[in-house]
Amino acid sequence: MLSHNKITHLPDRFSDLENLEMLRIANNRLDALPPVLSSLQKLAWIAASGNPFTDKLLENLPKRKPNIPESELELGEEVGRGSGGVTYRSKWMSEDVAVKIWNDGGMFSDGSPEAEIRSHSFLSHPNLASAMGTIGESKGLVLRWLTDVHQLGAPPSLQSVVQDLPPKEGGKFVSFSPDKILSAASKLAEALSYMHSLGFAHGDIYLHNSLEASTASGKVETYVSDLGAAFPYDRSTCSWLEKTEVLAFGHLLNDMARFSVIQYGPVDHEGIESIKLVAGKSQHLDADQRPSFASLAAELGKLARA
């Protein structure tokens, strides 16, 4: 954890950290993403928001979402609370929405409210739980209200270190059904492919940052959520970053297979075996041998339709 310091560069000897899997360097003074990180074969999670290079890139992005006046929002019951703020079930223009309000002066290990709001105001994909609109420059977000929503994993513990734990909620989630697991995984890959096509890293690819929810038609859908660690990057100089995040996605796919067995029993199912094979490709120690997110989305989608 190196966030909230005054770091301007990382030394070349950083390459000796061959077992490093996660790095938090948000809110420092980095003018570029340190190239030494591209040499770390096991590095899967990088949070780098709140640095001069990310702030500059964010400032140049167009805002594609409306700035919603607080007077148009009718806050309801509290439905979630974290270190950075509170989420409420609310109404906007007679529509059910979720409103996330940050604490005054909010700052967290992965970035800042301003950076997250900027990311939300630019990104939009059917399988990305992004905002419908923003509230000021740092006040909060207005998001789609998702019904029957739950996280697909629980955050790692001190014992599991960087590996997600099974979901805290009970029940057999549709996304882990052996018959649905490939489709769910392909939707997550599509959202991440979209982000990287625009030069955006997620920074925290985990099942606990993936959601399953019911749509208005009653269909169960899967979403990539939580853009708190997301940050823009220059694809012309940091194309390696996508393959770093593909490694994190490979770990996520392994967790999907593991949780599927936990919830549905030790079944020998083609869907679970296929997920494991794709995970193996994504976890190749040679980053150049890992597929892109676009390739992953295409392969998983094809397997789901087979």
C-alpha atoms as a PDB file:
ATOM      1  CA  MET A   1       0.000   0.000   0.000  1.00  0.00           C
ATOM      2  CA  LEU A   2       1.787   3.110  -1.270  1.00  0.00           C
ATOM      3  CA  SER A   3      -1.221   5.396  -1.757  1.00  0.00           C
ATOM      4  CA  HIS A   4      -1.375   8.912  -0.278  1.00  0.00           C
ATOM      5  CA  ASN A   5       2.328   9.693  -0.429  1.00  0.00           C
ATOM      6  CA  LYS A   6       4.511  11.988  -2.533  1.00  0.00           C
ATOM      7  CA  ILE A   7       5.989   9.339  -4.807  1.00  0.00           C
ATOM      8  CA  THR A   8       7.260  10.664  -8.148  1.00  0.00           C
ATOM      9  CA  HIS A   9       8.743   7.427  -9.505  1.00  0.00           C
ATOM     10  CA  LEU A  10       9.402   3.799  -8.639  1.00  0.00           C
ATOM     11  CA  PRO A  11      13.009   2.540  -8.606  1.00  0.00           C
ATOM     12  CA  ASP A  12      14.247  -0.028 -11.117  1.00  0.00           C
ATOM     13  CA  ARG A  13      14.797  -2.504  -8.284  1.00  0.00           C
ATOM     14  CA  PHE A  14      11.017  -2.715  -8.030  1.00  0.00           C
ATOM     15  CA  SER A  15      11.398  -5.403 -10.685  1.00  0.00           C
ATOM     16  CA  ASP A  16      12.847  -7.666  -7.973  1.00  0.00           C
ATOM     17  CA  LEU A  17       9.375  -7.952  -6.392  1.00  0.00           C
ATOM     18  CA  GLU A  18       8.588 -10.989  -8.513  1.00  0.00           C
ATOM     19  CA  ASN A  19       5.770 -12.217  -6.246  1.00  0.00           C
ATOM     20  CA  LEU A  20       3.944  -8.878  -6.030  1.00  0.00           C
ATOM     21  CA  GLU A  21       0.295  -9.343  -7.047  1.00  0.00           C
ATOM     22  CA  MET A  22      -1.371  -6.086  -5.950  1.00  0.00           C
ATOM     23  CA  LEU A  23      -0.129  -2.487  -5.901  1.00  0.00           C
ATOM     24  CA  ARG A  24      -1.903   0.632  -4.647  1.00  0.00           C
ATOM     25  CA  ILE A  25      -0.122   3.818  -5.801  1.00  0.00           C
ATOM     26  CA  ALA A  26      -3.133   6.157  -5.924  1.00  0.00           C
ATOM     27  CA  ASN A  27      -2.928   9.813  -4.894  1.00  0.00           C
ATOM     28  CA  ASN A  28       0.787  10.302  -5.419  1.00  0.00           C
ATOM     29  CA  ARG A  29       2.812  12.533  -7.762  1.00  0.00           C
ATOM     30  CA  LEU A  30       3.426  10.192 -10.666  1.00  0.00           C
ATOM     31  CA  ASP A  31       3.625  11.830 -14.100  1.00  0.00           C
ATOM     32  CA  ALA A  32       3.346   8.443 -15.809  1.00  0.00           C
ATOM     33  CA  LEU A  33       2.532   4.854 -14.998  1.00  0.00           C
ATOM     34  CA  PRO A  34       5.912   3.382 -13.939  1.00  0.00           C
ATOM     35  CA  PRO A  35       7.136   1.157 -16.818  1.00  0.00           C
ATOM     36  CA  VAL A  36       8.961  -1.120 -14.373  1.00  0.00           C
ATOM     37  CA  LEU A  37       5.559  -2.566 -13.442  1.00  0.00           C
ATOM     38  CA  SER A  38       5.282  -4.229 -16.851  1.00  0.00           C
ATOM     39  CA  SER A  39       8.047  -6.657 -15.831  1.00  0.00           C
ATOM     40  CA  LEU A  40       6.151  -8.093 -12.843  1.00  0.00           C
ATOM     41  CA  GLN A  41       4.636 -11.362 -14.074  1.00  0.00           C
ATOM     42  CA  LYS A  42       2.287 -11.929 -11.133  1.00  0.00           C
ATOM     43  CA  LEU A  43       1.025  -8.354 -10.780  1.00  0.00           C
ATOM     44  CA  ALA A  44      -2.733  -8.383 -11.391  1.00  0.00           C
ATOM     45  CA  TRP A  45      -4.212  -5.363  -9.593  1.00  0.00           C
ATOM     46  CA  ILE A  46      -2.954  -1.785  -9.946  1.00  0.00           C
ATOM     47  CA  ALA A  47      -4.726   1.271  -8.519  1.00  0.00           C
ATOM     48  CA  ALA A  48      -3.164   4.518  -9.756  1.00  0.00           C
ATOM     49  CA  SER A  49      -5.944   7.113  -9.739  1.00  0.00           C
ATOM     50  CA  GLY A  50      -5.295  10.556  -8.291  1.00  0.00           C
ATOM     51  CA  ASN A  51      -1.868  11.059  -9.870  1.00  0.00           C
ATOM     52  CA  PRO A  52      -0.959  13.958 -12.194  1.00  0.00           C
ATOM     53  CA  PHE A  53      -0.969  11.705 -15.271  1.00  0.00           C
ATOM     54  CA  THR A  54      -4.457  10.329 -14.548  1.00  0.00           C
ATOM     55  CA  ASP A  55      -5.841  13.727 -13.532  1.00  0.00           C
ATOM     56  CA  LYS A  56      -4.647  15.231 -16.826  1.00  0.00           C
ATOM     57  CA  LEU A  57      -6.231  12.458 -18.871  1.00  0.00           C
ATOM     58  CA  LEU A  58      -9.512  12.747 -16.950  1.00  0.00           C
ATOM     59  CA  GLU A  59      -9.655  16.508 -17.468  1.00  0.00           C
ATOM     60  CA  ASN A  60      -9.476  16.028 -21.230  1.00  0.00           C
ATOM     61  CA  LEU A  61     -12.381  13.574 -21.354  1.00  0.00           C
ATOM     62  CA  PRO A  62     -15.843  14.802 -22.363  1.00  0.00           C
ATOM     63  CA  LYS A  63     -18.630  14.506 -19.811  1.00  0.00           C
ATOM     64  CA  ARG A  64     -21.335  12.282 -21.293  1.00  0.00           C
ATOM     65  CA  LYS A  65     -23.699  12.235 -18.314  1.00  0.00           C
ATOM     66  CA  PRO A  66     -25.886  15.056 -16.951  1.00  0.00           C
ATOM     67  CA  ASN A  67     -25.103  16.925 -13.757  1.00  0.00           C
ATOM     68  CA  ILE A  68     -28.258  16.348 -11.687  1.00  0.00           C
ATOM     69  CA  PRO A  69     -29.354  19.072  -9.227  1.00  0.00           C
ATOM     70  CA  GLU A  70     -29.854  17.825  -5.680  1.00  0.00           C
ATOM     71  CA  SER A  71     -33.270  19.493  -5.689  1.00  0.00           C
ATOM     72  CA  GLU A  72     -34.465  16.886  -8.232  1.00  0.00           C
ATOM     73  CA  LEU A  73     -33.535  13.981  -5.954  1.00  0.00           C
ATOM     74  CA  GLU A  74     -35.726  12.492  -3.249  1.00  0.00           C
ATOM     75  CA  LEU A  75     -33.478  10.541  -0.899  1.00  0.00           C
ATOM     76  CA  GLY A  76     -34.993   7.470   0.710  1.00  0.00           C
ATOM     77  CA  GLU A  77     -33.716   4.717   2.965  1.00  0.00           C
ATOM     78  CA  GLU A  78     -30.042   4.011   3.440  1.00  0.00           C
ATOM     79  CA  VAL A  79     -29.069   0.802   1.626  1.00  0.00           C
ATOM     80  CA  GLY A  80     -25.292   0.828   1.948  1.00  0.00           C
ATOM     81  CA  ARG A  81     -22.455   2.479   3.821  1.00  0.00           C
ATOM     82  CA  GLY A  82     -18.701   2.452   3.298  1.00  0.00           C
ATOM     83  CA  SER A  83     -15.634   4.365   4.404  1.00  0.00           C
ATOM     84  CA  GLY A  84     -16.172   6.961   1.679  1.00  0.00           C
ATOM     85  CA  GLY A  85     -19.900   7.585   1.880  1.00  0.00           C
ATOM     86  CA  VAL A  86     -23.496   6.391   1.999  1.00  0.00           C
ATOM     87  CA  THR A  87     -25.847   4.975  -0.664  1.00  0.00           C
ATOM     88  CA  TYR A  88     -29.604   5.627  -0.574  1.00  0.00           C
ATOM     89  CA  ARG A  89     -32.570   4.235  -2.433  1.00  0.00           C
ATOM     90  CA  SER A  90     -34.022   7.361  -4.007  1.00  0.00           C
ATOM     91  CA  LYS A  91     -36.285   8.868  -6.639  1.00  0.00           C
ATOM     92  CA  TRP A  92     -35.289  10.960  -9.635  1.00  0.00           C
ATOM     93  CA  MET A  93     -37.960  12.138 -12.057  1.00  0.00           C
ATOM     94  CA  SER A  94     -40.313   9.497 -10.556  1.00  0.00           C
ATOM     95  CA  GLU A  95     -37.768   6.757 -11.323  1.00  0.00           C
ATOM     96  CA  ASP A  96     -36.175   4.501  -8.710  1.00  0.00           C
ATOM     97  CA  VAL A  97     -32.440   5.181  -8.503  1.00  0.00           C
ATOM     98  CA  ALA A  98     -29.525   4.636  -6.142  1.00  0.00           C
ATOM     99  CA  VAL A  99     -27.786   7.787  -4.917  1.00  0.00           C
ATOM    100  CA  LYS A 100     -24.246   7.593  -3.592  1.00  0.00           C
ATOM    101  CA  ILE A 101     -23.199  10.567  -1.462  1.00  0.00           C
ATOM    102  CA  TRP A 102     -19.561  10.916  -0.432  1.00  0.00           C
ATOM    103  CA  ASN A 103     -18.418  12.114   2.947  1.00  0.00           C
ATOM    104  CA  ASP A 104     -16.971  15.637   3.041  1.00  0.00           C
ATOM    105  CA  GLY A 105     -13.324  15.551   2.066  1.00  0.00           C
ATOM    106  CA  GLY A 106     -13.693  11.918   1.099  1.00  0.00           C
ATOM    107  CA  MET A 107     -10.524  10.131   0.085  1.00  0.00           C
ATOM    108  CA  PHE A 108      -9.781   6.448  -0.117  1.00  0.00           C
ATOM    109  CA  SER A 109      -6.911   4.105  -0.897  1.00  0.00           C
ATOM    110  CA  ASP A 110      -7.869   3.668  -4.551  1.00  0.00           C
ATOM    111  CA  GLY A 111      -8.542   7.265  -5.569  1.00  0.00           C
ATOM    112  CA  SER A 112     -10.889  10.171  -4.894  1.00  0.00           C
ATOM    113  CA  PRO A 113     -14.570  11.086  -5.354  1.00  0.00           C
ATOM    114  CA  GLU A 114     -13.648  13.558  -8.101  1.00  0.00           C
ATOM    115  CA  ALA A 115     -11.829  10.888 -10.113  1.00  0.00           C
ATOM    116  CA  GLU A 116     -14.613   8.338  -9.697  1.00  0.00           C
ATOM    117  CA  ILE A 117     -17.243  10.874 -10.753  1.00  0.00           C
ATOM    118  CA  ARG A 118     -15.193  11.776 -13.837  1.00  0.00           C
ATOM    119  CA  SER A 119     -14.893   8.092 -14.751  1.00  0.00           C
ATOM    120  CA  HIS A 120     -18.628   7.530 -14.344  1.00  0.00           C
ATOM    121  CA  SER A 121     -19.463  10.625 -16.395  1.00  0.00           C
ATOM    122  CA  PHE A 122     -17.520   9.203 -19.359  1.00  0.00           C
ATOM    123  CA  LEU A 123     -18.065   5.425 -19.277  1.00  0.00           C
ATOM    124  CA  SER A 124     -21.289   3.697 -20.326  1.00  0.00           C
ATOM    125  CA  HIS A 125     -21.889   0.020 -21.175  1.00  0.00           C
ATOM    126  CA  PRO A 126     -24.870  -2.342 -20.683  1.00  0.00           C
ATOM    127  CA  ASN A 127     -22.833  -4.558 -18.350  1.00  0.00           C
ATOM    128  CA  LEU A 128     -21.069  -1.779 -16.481  1.00  0.00           C
ATOM    129  CA  ALA A 129     -22.841  -0.465 -13.384  1.00  0.00           C
ATOM    130  CA  SER A 130     -22.049   3.138 -14.255  1.00  0.00           C
ATOM    131  CA  ALA A 131     -23.928   6.260 -13.260  1.00  0.00           C
ATOM    132  CA  MET A 132     -26.916   7.832 -14.975  1.00  0.00           C
ATOM    133  CA  GLY A 133     -25.681  11.216 -13.828  1.00  0.00           C
ATOM    134  CA  THR A 134     -23.448  13.023 -11.373  1.00  0.00           C
ATOM    135  CA  ILE A 135     -24.068  15.374  -8.457  1.00  0.00           C
ATOM    136  CA  GLY A 136     -21.596  18.236  -8.615  1.00  0.00           C
ATOM    137  CA  GLU A 137     -17.852  17.743  -9.061  1.00  0.00           C
ATOM    138  CA  SER A 138     -17.348  15.648  -5.928  1.00  0.00           C
ATOM    139  CA  LYS A 139     -20.718  15.300  -4.184  1.00  0.00           C
ATOM    140  CA  GLY A 140     -22.077  12.019  -5.504  1.00  0.00           C
ATOM    141  CA  LEU A 141     -23.556   9.807  -8.204  1.00  0.00           C
ATOM    142  CA  VAL A 142     -27.012   8.813  -9.403  1.00  0.00           C
ATOM    143  CA  LEU A 143     -27.065   5.161 -10.500  1.00  0.00           C
ATOM    144  CA  ARG A 144     -29.629   2.779 -11.931  1.00  0.00           C
ATOM    145  CA  TRP A 145     -31.628   0.982  -9.272  1.00  0.00           C
ATOM    146  CA  LEU A 146     -30.941  -2.736  -9.574  1.00  0.00           C
ATOM    147  CA  THR A 147     -33.396  -5.210  -8.035  1.00  0.00           C
ATOM    148  CA  ASP A 148     -32.426  -8.456  -6.317  1.00  0.00           C
ATOM    149  CA  VAL A 149     -28.823  -7.292  -6.475  1.00  0.00           C
ATOM    150  CA  HIS A 150     -25.930  -9.025  -4.781  1.00  0.00           C
ATOM    151  CA  GLN A 151     -22.172  -9.273  -5.046  1.00  0.00           C
ATOM    152  CA  LEU A 152     -20.806 -12.404  -6.679  1.00  0.00           C
ATOM    153  CA  GLY A 153     -18.075 -12.717  -4.065  1.00  0.00           C
ATOM    154  CA  ALA A 154     -16.969 -11.531  -0.653  1.00  0.00           C
ATOM    155  CA  PRO A 155     -13.737  -9.508  -0.313  1.00  0.00           C
ATOM    156  CA  PRO A 156     -10.512 -11.324   0.603  1.00  0.00           C
ATOM    157  CA  SER A 157      -9.660 -11.909   4.245  1.00  0.00           C
ATOM    158  CA  LEU A 158      -6.295 -11.699   5.992  1.00  0.00           C
ATOM    159  CA  GLN A 159      -6.058 -15.437   5.484  1.00  0.00           C
ATOM    160  CA  SER A 160      -7.013 -15.540   1.781  1.00  0.00           C
ATOM    161  CA  VAL A 161      -4.855 -12.435   1.060  1.00  0.00           C
ATOM    162  CA  VAL A 162      -5.852 -11.542  -2.541  1.00  0.00           C
ATOM    163  CA  GLN A 163      -8.356 -14.342  -3.222  1.00  0.00           C
ATOM    164  CA  ASP A 164     -12.082 -13.640  -2.988  1.00  0.00           C
ATOM    165  CA  LEU A 165     -14.249 -15.599  -0.586  1.00  0.00           C
ATOM    166  CA  PRO A 166     -17.623 -17.179  -1.463  1.00  0.00           C
ATOM    167  CA  PRO A 167     -20.576 -14.742  -1.478  1.00  0.00           C
ATOM    168  CA  LYS A 168     -21.930 -13.850   1.958  1.00  0.00           C
ATOM    169  CA  GLU A 169     -25.513 -14.154   0.759  1.00  0.00           C
ATOM    170  CA  GLY A 170     -27.021 -17.616   0.594  1.00  0.00           C
ATOM    171  CA  GLY A 171     -28.749 -19.164  -2.381  1.00  0.00           C
ATOM    172  CA  LYS A 172     -27.701 -20.490  -5.741  1.00  0.00           C
ATOM    173  CA  PHE A 173     -26.843 -17.472  -7.860  1.00  0.00           C
ATOM    174  CA  VAL A 174     -27.767 -17.760 -11.524  1.00  0.00           C
ATOM    175  CA  SER A 175     -24.325 -16.542 -12.639  1.00  0.00           C
ATOM    176  CA  PHE A 176     -22.719 -19.601 -11.047  1.00  0.00           C
ATOM    177  CA  SER A 177     -25.101 -22.112 -12.606  1.00  0.00           C
ATOM    178  CA  PRO A 178     -23.021 -24.470 -14.777  1.00  0.00           C
ATOM    179  CA  ASP A 179     -25.419 -23.689 -17.640  1.00  0.00           C
ATOM    180  CA  LYS A 180     -25.091 -19.892 -17.224  1.00  0.00           C
ATOM    181  CA  ILE A 181     -21.514 -19.407 -16.047  1.00  0.00           C
ATOM    182  CA  LEU A 182     -20.020 -18.893 -19.519  1.00  0.00           C
ATOM    183  CA  SER A 183     -22.632 -16.294 -20.450  1.00  0.00           C
ATOM    184  CA  ALA A 184     -22.096 -14.398 -17.187  1.00  0.00           C
ATOM    185  CA  ALA A 185     -18.324 -14.427 -17.657  1.00  0.00           C
ATOM    186  CA  SER A 186     -18.642 -13.194 -21.244  1.00  0.00           C
ATOM    187  CA  LYS A 187     -20.705 -10.191 -20.096  1.00  0.00           C
ATOM    188  CA  LEU A 188     -18.026  -9.206 -17.596  1.00  0.00           C
ATOM    189  CA  ALA A 189     -15.356  -9.571 -20.290  1.00  0.00           C
ATOM    190  CA  GLU A 190     -17.389  -7.397 -22.676  1.00  0.00           C
ATOM    191  CA  ALA A 191     -17.594  -4.575 -20.129  1.00  0.00           C
ATOM    192  CA  LEU A 192     -13.860  -4.758 -19.394  1.00  0.00           C
ATOM    193  CA  SER A 193     -13.046  -4.896 -23.114  1.00  0.00           C
ATOM    194  CA  TYR A 194     -15.092  -1.724 -23.553  1.00  0.00           C
ATOM    195  CA  MET A 195     -13.165   0.026 -20.771  1.00  0.00           C
ATOM    196  CA  HIS A 196      -9.750  -0.883 -22.142  1.00  0.00           C
ATOM    197  CA  SER A 197     -10.750   0.047 -25.697  1.00  0.00           C
ATOM    198  CA  LEU A 198     -11.146   3.577 -24.316  1.00  0.00           C
ATOM    199  CA  GLY A 199      -7.902   3.451 -22.334  1.00  0.00           C
ATOM    200  CA  PHE A 200      -9.444   2.787 -18.924  1.00  0.00           C
ATOM    201  CA  ALA A 201      -8.205   0.287 -16.350  1.00  0.00           C
ATOM    202  CA  HIS A 202     -10.637  -0.967 -13.717  1.00  0.00           C
ATOM    203  CA  GLY A 203      -8.002  -1.446 -11.032  1.00  0.00           C
ATOM    204  CA  ASP A 204      -9.986  -3.827  -8.849  1.00  0.00           C
ATOM    205  CA  ILE A 205     -11.283  -6.739 -10.944  1.00  0.00           C
ATOM    206  CA  TYR A 206     -12.873  -9.126  -8.470  1.00  0.00           C
ATOM    207  CA  LEU A 207     -16.115 -11.043  -8.071  1.00  0.00           C
ATOM    208  CA  HIS A 208     -16.900  -8.892  -5.026  1.00  0.00           C
ATOM    209  CA  ASN A 209     -16.926  -5.982  -7.503  1.00  0.00           C
ATOM    210  CA  SER A 210     -19.225  -7.899  -9.863  1.00  0.00           C
ATOM    211  CA  LEU A 211     -22.984  -7.872  -9.438  1.00  0.00           C
ATOM    212  CA  GLU A 212     -25.905 -10.093 -10.351  1.00  0.00           C
ATOM    213  CA  ALA A 213     -29.276  -8.353 -10.566  1.00  0.00           C
ATOM    214  CA  SER A 214     -32.713  -8.639 -12.151  1.00  0.00           C
ATOM    215  CA  THR A 215     -33.674  -6.347 -15.007  1.00  0.00           C
ATOM    216  CA  ALA A 216     -37.120  -4.786 -15.455  1.00  0.00           C
ATOM    217  CA  SER A 217     -38.095  -7.731 -17.668  1.00  0.00           C
ATOM    218  CA  GLY A 218     -37.100 -10.202 -14.963  1.00  0.00           C
ATOM    219  CA  LYS A 219     -33.926 -11.354 -16.729  1.00  0.00           C
ATOM    220  CA  VAL A 220     -30.872 -11.898 -14.536  1.00  0.00           C
ATOM    221  CA  GLU A 221     -27.896  -9.834 -15.721  1.00  0.00           C
ATOM    222  CA  THR A 222     -24.256  -9.576 -14.656  1.00  0.00           C
ATOM    223  CA  TYR A 223     -22.412  -6.273 -14.167  1.00  0.00           C
ATOM    224  CA  VAL A 224     -18.907  -4.992 -13.526  1.00  0.00           C
ATOM    225  CA  SER A 225     -19.236  -2.500 -10.671  1.00  0.00           C
ATOM    226  CA  ASP A 226     -17.213  -0.140  -8.469  1.00  0.00           C
ATOM    227  CA  LEU A 227     -15.128   2.335 -10.454  1.00  0.00           C
ATOM    228  CA  GLY A 228     -13.393   3.653  -7.338  1.00  0.00           C
ATOM    229  CA  ALA A 229     -10.015   2.364  -8.514  1.00  0.00           C
ATOM    230  CA  ALA A 230     -10.567   2.996 -12.240  1.00  0.00           C
ATOM    231  CA  PHE A 231      -8.136   5.260 -14.039  1.00  0.00           C
ATOM    232  CA  PRO A 232      -7.338   6.306 -17.623  1.00  0.00           C
ATOM    233  CA  TYR A 233      -4.036   5.434 -19.250  1.00  0.00           C
ATOM    234  CA  ASP A 234      -2.202   6.005 -22.523  1.00  0.00           C
ATOM    235  CA  ARG A 235      -2.668   2.897 -24.666  1.00  0.00           C
ATOM    236  CA  SER A 236       0.205   3.940 -26.939  1.00  0.00           C
ATOM    237  CA  THR A 237       2.749   3.666 -24.115  1.00  0.00           C
ATOM    238  CA  CYS A 238       1.052   1.366 -21.581  1.00  0.00           C
ATOM    239  CA  SER A 239      -0.610  -1.303 -23.707  1.00  0.00           C
ATOM    240  CA  TRP A 240       0.818  -3.893 -21.280  1.00  0.00           C
ATOM    241  CA  LEU A 241      -1.669  -2.759 -18.634  1.00  0.00           C
ATOM    242  CA  GLU A 242      -4.551  -4.598 -20.307  1.00  0.00           C
ATOM    243  CA  LYS A 243      -2.701  -7.926 -20.008  1.00  0.00           C
ATOM    244  CA  THR A 244      -2.062  -7.159 -16.326  1.00  0.00           C
ATOM    245  CA  GLU A 245      -5.808  -6.830 -15.799  1.00  0.00           C
ATOM    246  CA  VAL A 246      -6.447  -9.947 -17.875  1.00  0.00           C
ATOM    247  CA  LEU A 247      -4.469 -11.823 -15.205  1.00  0.00           C
ATOM    248  CA  ALA A 248      -6.867 -10.474 -12.560  1.00  0.00           C
ATOM    249  CA  PHE A 249      -9.764 -11.615 -14.739  1.00  0.00           C
ATOM    250  CA  GLY A 250      -8.205 -15.072 -14.947  1.00  0.00           C
ATOM    251  CA  HIS A 251      -8.238 -15.237 -11.154  1.00  0.00           C
ATOM    252  CA  LEU A 252     -11.891 -14.117 -11.248  1.00  0.00           C
ATOM    253  CA  LEU A 253     -12.768 -16.915 -13.684  1.00  0.00           C
ATOM    254  CA  ASN A 254     -11.167 -19.469 -11.379  1.00  0.00           C
ATOM    255  CA  ASP A 255     -13.265 -18.098  -8.527  1.00  0.00           C
ATOM    256  CA  MET A 256     -16.410 -18.405 -10.662  1.00  0.00           C
ATOM    257  CA  ALA A 257     -15.654 -22.078 -11.283  1.00  0.00           C
ATOM    258  CA  ARG A 258     -14.879 -22.633  -7.603  1.00  0.00           C
ATOM    259  CA  PHE A 259     -18.056 -20.924  -6.381  1.00  0.00           C
ATOM    260  CA  SER A 260     -20.118 -22.796  -8.974  1.00  0.00           C
ATOM    261  CA  VAL A 261     -18.953 -26.086  -7.478  1.00  0.00           C
ATOM    262  CA  ILE A 262     -19.619 -24.790  -3.944  1.00  0.00           C
ATOM    263  CA  GLN A 263     -23.204 -23.777  -4.799  1.00  0.00           C
ATOM    264  CA  TYR A 264     -24.164 -26.519  -7.241  1.00  0.00           C
ATOM    265  CA  GLY A 265     -22.096 -29.457  -6.051  1.00  0.00           C
ATOM    266  CA  PRO A 266     -18.965 -31.132  -7.424  1.00  0.00           C
ATOM    267  CA  VAL A 267     -20.399 -31.580 -10.905  1.00  0.00           C
ATOM    268  CA  ASP A 268     -18.304 -32.461 -13.934  1.00  0.00           C
ATOM    269  CA  HIS A 269     -19.880 -29.916 -16.265  1.00  0.00           C
ATOM    270  CA  GLU A 270     -18.608 -28.677 -19.609  1.00  0.00           C
ATOM    271  CA  GLY A 271     -19.273 -25.052 -18.641  1.00  0.00           C
ATOM    272  CA  ILE A 272     -17.061 -25.236 -15.563  1.00  0.00           C
ATOM    273  CA  GLU A 273     -14.299 -27.057 -17.442  1.00  0.00           C
ATOM    274  CA  SER A 274     -14.410 -24.423 -20.206  1.00  0.00           C
ATOM    275  CA  ILE A 275     -14.138 -21.597 -17.670  1.00  0.00           C
ATOM    276  CA  LYS A 276     -11.056 -23.238 -16.167  1.00  0.00           C
ATOM    277  CA  LEU A 277      -9.418 -23.559 -19.587  1.00  0.00           C
ATOM    278  CA  VAL A 278     -10.011 -19.884 -20.398  1.00  0.00           C
ATOM    279  CA  ALA A 279      -8.769 -18.930 -16.925  1.00  0.00           C
ATOM    280  CA  GLY A 280      -5.553 -20.829 -17.585  1.00  0.00           C
ATOM    281  CA  LYS A 281      -4.887 -18.828 -20.755  1.00  0.00           C
ATOM    282  CA  SER A 282      -5.521 -15.587 -18.869  1.00  0.00           C
ATOM    283  CA  GLN A 283      -3.130 -16.561 -16.083  1.00  0.00           C
ATOM    284  CA  HIS A 284      -0.148 -17.322 -18.336  1.00  0.00           C
ATOM    285  CA  LEU A 285       3.046 -16.043 -16.681  1.00  0.00           C
ATOM    286  CA  ASP A 286       4.144 -14.574 -20.005  1.00  0.00           C
ATOM    287  CA  ALA A 287       1.853 -11.565 -20.350  1.00  0.00           C
ATOM    288  CA  ASP A 288       2.328 -11.540 -24.128  1.00  0.00           C
ATOM    289  CA  GLN A 289       0.673 -14.963 -24.271  1.00  0.00           C
ATOM    290  CA  ARG A 290      -2.474 -13.784 -22.489  1.00  0.00           C
ATOM    291  CA  PRO A 291      -5.504 -12.958 -24.648  1.00  0.00           C
ATOM    292  CA  SER A 292      -7.002  -9.483 -24.855  1.00  0.00           C
ATOM    293  CA  PHE A 293     -10.354  -8.742 -23.244  1.00  0.00           C
ATOM    294  CA  ALA A 294     -11.906  -8.543 -26.711  1.00  0.00           C
ATOM    295  CA  SER A 295     -10.646 -12.059 -27.467  1.00  0.00           C
ATOM    296  CA  LEU A 296     -11.880 -13.298 -24.096  1.00  0.00           C
ATOM    297  CA  ALA A 297     -15.340 -11.828 -24.651  1.00  0.00           C
ATOM    298  CA  ALA A 298     -15.539 -13.436 -28.093  1.00  0.00           C
ATOM    299  CA  GLU A 299     -14.328 -16.848 -26.891  1.00  0.00           C
ATOM    300  CA  LEU A 300     -16.565 -16.924 -23.821  1.00  0.00           C
ATOM    301  CA  GLY A 301     -19.546 -15.746 -25.866  1.00  0.00           C
ATOM    302  CA  LYS A 302     -18.962 -18.462 -28.458  1.00  0.00           C
ATOM    303  CA  LEU A 303     -18.675 -21.123 -25.747  1.00  0.00           C
ATOM    304  CA  ALA A 304     -21.879 -19.843 -24.121  1.00  0.00           C
ATOM    305  CA  ARG A 305     -23.784 -20.170 -27.403  1.00  0.00           C
ATOM    306  CA  ALA A 306     -22.426 -23.627 -28.231  1.00  0.00           C
END
